[in-house]
Amino acid sequence: MSTWPRRYDFMRIHGSLRVTPAKEAGLTDRIRDMEEFIQIMDDRAPEPNPRRPYRKRKGKDD
C-alpha cells in the first residue's frame, strides 16, 4: 500500500485550502499522523503463514 496518497490527502495541509484535502472533502474531521496509518495497515494485514521446514540438501556423498 502506497503511503504517499494518504500523506497528501490526510496529513499535508494544502496551501490554498488551509486544511487537508480529505478534511475539506468531509472525509475526516482531523489531521492524521503517520503512526495512525501504520497502525491501520498493521491491523488490516493478514497473519503470516506458518513457516515450512527447509528441504534437506543433498550432499556430495548422497
Protein backbone atom coordinates (compact mmCIF):
# COMPACT_ATOMS: atom_id res chain seq x y z
CA MET A 1 0.00 0.00 0.00
CA SER A 2 1.44 3.32 -1.01
CA THR A 3 1.69 5.89 1.76
CA TRP A 4 2.18 8.96 -0.44
CA PRO A 5 -1.54 9.45 -1.34
CA ARG A 6 -2.51 9.05 2.31
CA ARG A 7 0.09 11.58 3.36
CA TYR A 8 -1.06 14.04 0.71
CA ASP A 9 -4.80 13.63 1.37
CA PHE A 10 -4.89 13.19 5.16
CA MET A 11 -1.71 14.72 6.63
CA ARG A 12 -0.44 17.55 4.44
CA ILE A 13 -2.13 20.93 4.79
CA HIS A 14 -2.83 22.28 1.32
CA GLY A 15 -1.62 25.84 0.76
CA SER A 16 -4.75 27.36 -0.77
CA LEU A 17 -7.27 25.29 1.23
CA ARG A 18 -5.56 25.83 4.61
CA VAL A 19 -6.69 22.30 5.56
CA THR A 20 -6.02 18.80 4.23
CA PRO A 21 -7.90 17.76 1.07
CA ALA A 22 -9.64 14.95 3.00
CA LYS A 23 -10.84 17.36 5.67
CA GLU A 24 -12.09 19.81 3.03
CA ALA A 25 -13.99 16.96 1.32
CA GLY A 26 -15.58 15.93 4.61
CA LEU A 27 -13.85 12.52 4.78
CA THR A 28 -12.32 13.20 8.18
CA ASP A 29 -12.61 15.72 10.98
CA ARG A 30 -8.92 15.93 11.94
CA ILE A 31 -5.39 15.87 10.55
CA ARG A 32 -3.96 12.38 10.87
CA ASP A 33 -0.38 11.32 11.55
CA MET A 34 1.79 8.58 10.06
CA GLU A 35 1.66 6.42 13.20
CA GLU A 36 -2.12 6.18 12.88
CA PHE A 37 -1.88 4.99 9.27
CA ILE A 38 0.80 2.46 10.13
CA GLN A 39 -1.46 1.08 12.88
CA ILE A 40 -4.37 0.83 10.43
CA MET A 41 -2.19 -1.03 7.89
CA ASP A 42 -0.90 -3.39 10.58
CA ASP A 43 -4.44 -4.13 11.78
CA ARG A 44 -5.61 -4.95 8.24
CA ALA A 45 -2.58 -7.04 7.27
CA PRO A 46 -3.18 -10.79 7.12
CA GLU A 47 -1.46 -13.04 9.60
CA PRO A 48 1.68 -14.66 8.18
CA ASN A 49 1.51 -18.34 7.32
CA PRO A 50 3.49 -20.75 9.48
CA ARG A 51 6.94 -21.37 8.12
CA ARG A 52 7.57 -24.67 6.41
CA PRO A 53 10.69 -26.70 7.14
CA TYR A 54 13.66 -26.42 4.83
CA ARG A 55 14.37 -29.15 2.34
CA LYS A 56 17.43 -31.14 3.22
CA ARG A 57 20.38 -30.55 0.96
CA LYS A 58 21.82 -33.41 -0.95
CA GLY A 59 25.45 -33.78 -0.06
CA LYS A 60 28.33 -34.96 -2.19
CA ASP A 61 28.05 -38.44 -0.70
CA ASP A 62 24.28 -38.85 -1.37
